[in-house]
Amino acid sequence: MTPQKIGLIGVGLMGHGIASNIVKHGYPLAVLEHAGNQPLDGLKAAGVTTQPDVRALAASVDVLLLCVTGSPQVEAVLLGEDGRGGALQGLRAGAVIIDCSTAIPASTERLAQRVAEAGGRFMDAAMTRTPKEAAEGRLNLLVGADDALFAECRPLLACFAENITHAGAVGAGHRMKLLHNYVSLGSVALIAEAAACAERAGVAPEVFVDVLAKGGGGGMALERLKPFLLDRDASGLRFAMSNALKDMGYYTTMAGDSHSARRIADGVRQTFESALHDGDPGALVPELVAVLARRGDGH
């Protein structure tokens, strides 16, 4: 069988790894030319082609993957900046849109309906893990789709993912991603605030880390903060605080839409918002420890 033609919009840190693994598995791949892309030289050498606009890219592929920042960007790609002229204008009949971004589920469901009206099919396949795992083809994917579409697309997803969870119908992947990120970012923010308190109280960071690691404070959140706590090395969690704030905003929107409790989530969101107010929008999440230590009560 002739392999499906794949398109990708968003060749950033995550998208570059996804693209390289799709090509390794023999799929023809075209990507959107964009100033925000990572360097494309290696991908082009491997046979990847480019398209100058989203409509042309959509018209040339059977499956279009989106790996962009969030709901506003996904909506702009599919509908166009003005609601007209986006990828849906060029979409082939029966083509599949796979949205790998982190997005607001209500927007995801609206867009899935628009894709269906344009003759296409839609799946959300939110990612977890980091650019390192993306390059290794070992992402985790949380998928929202009907059973038949999930089964059809699973071989493609397996090119760049190690663990693929079918979370439910359209929107369920994005819901689960927001739940995951809230728990992850909330845990990190809690430890960061405690570490800032420890620093101001004169508790040695190595003692703080050792005691938490041996008790109920141990786990992935502490491990990701540990390099910063001990050596002021933020590389343990290469995730910008601006993205953390976006994700927490999406989570609280989702919680509000379902009338769910969100008091703790509001506190986490406000913590990142306050940290970014006068700081560097590119600062990484582990740097929250230093911001909170400098500000004391954060007001």
Protein backbone atom coordinates (compact mmCIF):
# COMPACT_ATOMS: atom_id res chain seq x y z
CA MET A 1 0.00 0.00 0.00
CA THR A 2 1.11 3.55 -0.70
CA PRO A 3 1.86 5.20 2.68
CA GLN A 4 -0.34 8.08 3.74
CA LYS A 5 0.97 11.56 3.01
CA ILE A 6 1.52 13.39 6.28
CA GLY A 7 1.63 17.12 6.97
CA LEU A 8 2.92 18.83 10.11
CA ILE A 9 2.39 22.38 11.33
CA GLY A 10 4.65 23.44 14.19
CA VAL A 11 8.24 22.20 13.86
CA GLY A 12 9.24 23.45 17.30
CA LEU A 13 11.15 21.55 19.97
CA MET A 14 8.49 18.84 20.12
CA GLY A 15 7.44 18.95 16.48
CA HIS A 16 10.98 18.50 15.20
CA GLY A 17 11.30 15.19 17.03
CA ILE A 18 7.89 14.07 15.81
CA ALA A 19 8.81 14.94 12.23
CA SER A 20 12.12 13.08 12.32
CA ASN A 21 10.47 9.92 13.61
CA ILE A 22 7.64 10.02 11.08
CA VAL A 23 10.22 10.19 8.28
CA LYS A 24 12.26 7.36 9.81
CA HIS A 25 9.20 5.13 9.53
CA GLY A 26 8.84 5.76 5.81
CA TYR A 27 5.97 8.23 5.63
CA PRO A 28 6.16 11.08 3.09
CA LEU A 29 6.14 14.29 5.15
CA ALA A 30 5.57 17.94 4.31
CA VAL A 31 5.81 20.76 6.85
CA LEU A 32 4.67 24.37 6.94
CA GLU A 33 7.35 26.99 6.37
CA HIS A 34 7.25 29.21 9.45
CA ALA A 35 9.64 31.56 11.22
CA GLY A 36 9.06 29.70 14.49
CA ASN A 37 10.32 26.38 13.14
CA GLN A 38 13.47 24.72 14.39
CA PRO A 39 16.14 24.40 11.67
CA LEU A 40 14.85 22.19 8.86
CA ASP A 41 18.16 21.26 7.21
CA GLY A 42 18.28 17.74 8.67
CA LEU A 43 14.64 17.08 7.87
CA LYS A 44 15.01 18.31 4.29
CA ALA A 45 18.05 16.09 3.84
CA ALA A 46 15.86 13.17 4.93
CA GLY A 47 13.31 14.01 2.23
CA VAL A 48 10.88 16.33 4.01
CA THR A 49 9.26 18.92 1.76
CA THR A 50 7.76 22.29 2.70
CA GLN A 51 4.63 24.24 1.83
CA PRO A 52 4.29 28.04 2.08
CA ASP A 53 0.77 28.20 3.55
CA VAL A 54 -1.64 26.07 5.55
CA ARG A 55 -4.24 25.72 2.79
CA ALA A 56 -1.67 24.34 0.32
CA LEU A 57 -0.30 21.97 2.95
CA ALA A 58 -3.77 20.66 3.86
CA ALA A 59 -4.57 20.10 0.19
CA SER A 60 -1.47 17.95 -0.28
CA VAL A 61 -1.81 15.46 2.62
CA ASP A 62 -4.01 12.70 3.99
CA VAL A 63 -3.23 13.45 7.65
CA LEU A 64 -2.40 16.87 9.08
CA LEU A 65 -0.75 17.04 12.51
CA LEU A 66 -0.85 20.24 14.55
CA CYS A 67 1.86 20.84 17.13
CA VAL A 68 1.24 24.46 18.09
CA THR A 69 0.97 26.40 21.34
CA GLY A 70 -2.72 26.30 22.20
CA SER A 71 -6.35 26.90 21.24
CA PRO A 72 -5.93 30.34 19.60
CA GLN A 73 -3.19 28.99 17.33
CA VAL A 74 -5.15 25.83 16.47
CA GLU A 75 -8.20 27.91 15.60
CA ALA A 76 -6.09 30.25 13.44
CA VAL A 77 -4.52 27.31 11.58
CA LEU A 78 -7.81 25.57 10.85
CA LEU A 79 -10.11 28.55 10.32
CA GLY A 80 -7.71 31.30 9.27
CA GLU A 81 -6.91 34.43 11.21
CA ASP A 82 -10.25 35.93 10.24
CA GLY A 83 -12.27 32.72 10.41
CA ARG A 84 -11.79 32.12 6.66
CA GLY A 85 -9.00 30.73 4.52
CA GLY A 86 -7.41 28.28 6.95
CA ALA A 87 -6.48 24.64 6.52
CA LEU A 88 -10.14 23.61 6.33
CA GLN A 89 -10.40 25.43 3.00
CA GLY A 90 -7.88 23.03 1.48
CA LEU A 91 -8.79 19.86 3.37
CA ARG A 92 -9.20 16.69 1.30
CA ALA A 93 -12.39 14.68 1.74
CA GLY A 94 -11.84 12.09 4.47
CA ALA A 95 -8.56 13.65 5.60
CA VAL A 96 -7.63 13.47 9.28
CA ILE A 97 -6.64 16.36 11.54
CA ILE A 98 -4.61 15.29 14.58
CA ASP A 99 -4.20 18.06 17.16
CA CYS A 100 -1.20 17.38 19.41
CA SER A 101 -1.37 20.75 21.16
CA THR A 102 -2.59 21.56 24.66
CA ALA A 103 -6.03 23.11 24.18
CA ILE A 104 -9.30 24.07 25.81
CA PRO A 105 -11.63 21.08 25.37
CA ALA A 106 -14.68 23.22 24.52
CA SER A 107 -12.71 24.74 21.62
CA THR A 108 -11.53 21.27 20.57
CA GLU A 109 -15.11 20.01 20.33
CA ARG A 110 -16.22 23.04 18.31
CA LEU A 111 -13.32 22.60 15.90
CA ALA A 112 -14.01 18.88 15.51
CA GLN A 113 -17.51 19.79 14.35
CA ARG A 114 -16.11 22.30 11.85
CA VAL A 115 -13.71 19.66 10.52
CA ALA A 116 -16.60 17.21 10.10
CA GLU A 117 -18.61 19.84 8.23
CA ALA A 118 -15.63 20.31 5.90
CA GLY A 119 -15.59 16.58 5.15
CA GLY A 120 -12.69 15.63 7.40
CA ARG A 121 -12.14 13.74 10.64
CA PHE A 122 -10.64 15.02 13.88
CA MET A 123 -8.59 13.56 16.70
CA ASP A 124 -6.94 15.21 19.70
CA ALA A 125 -3.68 13.54 20.69
CA ALA A 126 -2.20 15.65 23.46
CA MET A 127 1.45 15.03 24.32
CA THR A 128 3.29 14.59 27.58
CA ARG A 129 7.03 14.22 28.20
CA THR A 130 9.77 16.46 26.77
CA PRO A 131 11.66 17.29 23.55
CA LYS A 132 14.18 14.59 24.49
CA GLU A 133 11.53 11.88 24.34
CA ALA A 134 10.07 13.47 21.19
CA ALA A 135 13.44 13.06 19.47
CA GLU A 136 13.64 9.47 20.71
CA GLY A 137 10.11 8.63 19.50
CA ARG A 138 9.00 8.01 23.09
CA LEU A 139 6.26 10.56 23.76
CA ASN A 140 3.12 9.77 25.72
CA LEU A 141 -0.10 10.54 23.84
CA LEU A 142 -3.57 11.08 25.29
CA VAL A 143 -6.06 10.55 22.49
CA GLY A 144 -9.64 11.68 22.03
CA ALA A 145 -11.32 10.00 19.05
CA ASP A 146 -13.89 7.41 18.08
CA ASP A 147 -12.73 3.80 18.16
CA ALA A 148 -12.41 3.39 14.41
CA LEU A 149 -10.31 6.51 13.88
CA PHE A 150 -8.10 5.64 16.83
CA ALA A 151 -7.41 2.19 15.37
CA GLU A 152 -6.73 3.66 11.93
CA CYS A 153 -4.24 6.26 13.17
CA ARG A 154 -2.49 4.21 15.85
CA PRO A 155 0.33 2.99 13.54
CA LEU A 156 1.20 6.60 12.68
CA LEU A 157 1.08 7.68 16.32
CA ALA A 158 3.33 4.76 17.27
CA CYS A 159 6.08 6.24 15.08
CA PHE A 160 6.70 8.93 17.69
CA ALA A 161 4.98 7.70 20.87
CA GLU A 162 5.84 5.01 23.38
CA ASN A 163 2.60 5.06 25.39
CA ILE A 164 -0.70 5.78 23.64
CA THR A 165 -3.81 6.08 25.80
CA HIS A 166 -7.26 6.22 24.23
CA ALA A 167 -8.88 8.56 26.77
CA GLY A 168 -12.32 8.62 25.15
CA ALA A 169 -14.24 10.59 22.54
CA VAL A 170 -13.06 13.83 20.91
CA GLY A 171 -11.92 16.28 23.60
CA ALA A 172 -11.02 13.57 26.13
CA GLY A 173 -7.34 13.68 25.21
CA HIS A 174 -7.15 17.41 25.85
CA ARG A 175 -9.13 17.05 29.09
CA MET A 176 -6.74 14.39 30.36
CA LYS A 177 -3.72 16.48 29.36
CA LEU A 178 -4.99 19.43 31.40
CA LEU A 179 -5.67 17.17 34.38
CA HIS A 180 -2.17 15.74 34.06
CA ASN A 181 -0.53 19.16 33.76
CA TYR A 182 -2.49 20.56 36.68
CA VAL A 183 -1.33 17.75 38.96
CA SER A 184 2.25 18.03 37.67
CA LEU A 185 2.50 21.83 37.79
CA GLY A 186 0.57 22.00 41.05
CA SER A 187 2.98 19.56 42.68
CA VAL A 188 5.98 21.50 41.41
CA ALA A 189 4.52 24.83 42.56
CA LEU A 190 3.79 23.43 46.02
CA ILE A 191 7.37 22.15 46.43
CA ALA A 192 8.77 25.39 45.01
CA GLU A 193 6.86 27.44 47.58
CA ALA A 194 8.03 25.14 50.39
CA ALA A 195 11.62 25.37 49.10
CA ALA A 196 11.42 29.17 49.07
CA CYS A 197 10.20 29.09 52.67
CA ALA A 198 13.03 26.71 53.57
CA GLU A 199 15.57 29.03 51.96
CA ARG A 200 14.31 32.09 53.83
CA ALA A 201 14.21 30.09 57.08
CA GLY A 202 17.81 28.96 56.69
CA VAL A 203 17.14 25.28 56.02
CA ALA A 204 19.96 23.85 53.89
CA PRO A 205 18.70 22.80 50.42
CA GLU A 206 20.41 19.41 50.63
CA VAL A 207 18.60 18.71 53.89
CA PHE A 208 15.28 19.85 52.41
CA VAL A 209 15.71 17.60 49.37
CA ASP A 210 16.92 14.60 51.37
CA VAL A 211 14.05 14.68 53.86
CA LEU A 212 11.36 15.12 51.19
CA ALA A 213 12.86 12.36 49.04
CA LYS A 214 12.68 9.90 51.95
CA GLY A 215 9.08 10.77 52.80
CA GLY A 216 5.79 11.88 51.34
CA GLY A 217 7.39 14.71 49.36
CA GLY A 218 9.35 12.35 47.13
CA GLY A 219 8.48 11.76 43.50
CA MET A 220 8.79 13.17 39.99
CA ALA A 221 8.07 16.80 40.93
CA LEU A 222 10.91 16.84 43.46
CA GLU A 223 13.28 15.10 41.02
CA ARG A 224 12.60 17.73 38.39
CA LEU A 225 13.24 20.55 40.86
CA LYS A 226 16.23 18.90 42.53
CA PRO A 227 18.93 20.25 40.14
CA PHE A 228 17.70 23.81 40.74
CA LEU A 229 17.34 23.36 44.49
CA LEU A 230 20.89 22.06 44.82
CA ASP A 231 22.80 23.78 41.98
CA ARG A 232 20.49 26.46 40.51
CA ASP A 233 20.30 24.37 37.33
CA ALA A 234 16.85 24.79 35.74
CA SER A 235 17.34 22.09 33.10
CA GLY A 236 15.50 19.46 35.14
CA LEU A 237 12.21 20.84 33.81
CA ARG A 238 12.57 22.65 30.48
CA PHE A 239 9.09 24.16 30.55
CA ALA A 240 8.54 27.91 30.48
CA MET A 241 6.55 29.55 33.26
CA SER A 242 4.56 31.35 30.55
CA ASN A 243 3.44 27.96 29.22
CA ALA A 244 2.66 26.82 32.76
CA LEU A 245 0.44 29.88 33.20
CA LYS A 246 -1.30 29.15 29.87
CA ASP A 247 -1.96 25.54 30.85
CA MET A 248 -3.25 26.51 34.27
CA GLY A 249 -5.53 29.07 32.64
CA TYR A 250 -6.88 26.36 30.35
CA TYR A 251 -7.38 24.05 33.31
CA THR A 252 -9.32 26.59 35.35
CA THR A 253 -11.44 27.36 32.27
CA MET A 254 -12.20 23.65 31.89
CA ALA A 255 -12.99 23.33 35.60
CA GLY A 256 -15.27 26.36 35.38
CA ASP A 257 -17.07 24.93 32.35
CA SER A 258 -17.91 21.80 34.35
CA HIS A 259 -18.61 23.70 37.61
CA SER A 260 -15.82 21.77 39.35
CA ALA A 261 -13.90 22.78 42.47
CA ARG A 262 -10.86 24.86 41.49
CA ARG A 263 -9.72 26.85 44.51
CA ILE A 264 -6.31 25.17 44.65
CA ALA A 265 -5.95 25.42 40.88
CA ASP A 266 -6.69 29.16 41.05
CA GLY A 267 -3.91 29.48 43.62
CA VAL A 268 -1.42 27.67 41.38
CA ARG A 269 -2.41 29.80 38.40
CA GLN A 270 -2.08 33.00 40.43
CA THR A 271 1.34 31.87 41.67
CA PHE A 272 2.67 31.58 38.11
CA GLU A 273 0.91 34.79 37.09
CA SER A 274 2.54 36.69 39.94
CA ALA A 275 5.96 35.20 39.19
CA LEU A 276 5.74 36.33 35.57
CA HIS A 277 4.36 39.79 36.29
CA ASP A 278 7.74 41.50 36.46
CA GLY A 279 9.92 38.62 35.32
CA ASP A 280 11.23 36.96 32.19
CA PRO A 281 8.43 35.25 30.20
CA GLY A 282 11.01 32.70 29.06
CA ALA A 283 11.97 31.72 32.61
CA LEU A 284 11.72 28.01 33.28
CA VAL A 285 9.40 26.56 35.91
CA PRO A 286 12.17 25.57 38.39
CA GLU A 287 13.12 29.25 38.62
CA LEU A 288 9.84 29.75 40.49
CA VAL A 289 11.78 28.76 43.63
CA ALA A 290 14.09 31.77 43.33
CA VAL A 291 11.24 34.16 42.48
CA LEU A 292 9.24 33.11 45.52
CA ALA A 293 12.30 33.25 47.77
CA ARG A 294 13.02 36.82 46.64
CA ARG A 295 9.44 38.00 47.03
CA GLY A 296 8.67 36.40 50.34
CA ASP A 297 4.88 36.45 50.61
CA GLY A 298 4.60 37.03 46.84
CA HIS A 299 2.57 40.25 47.10
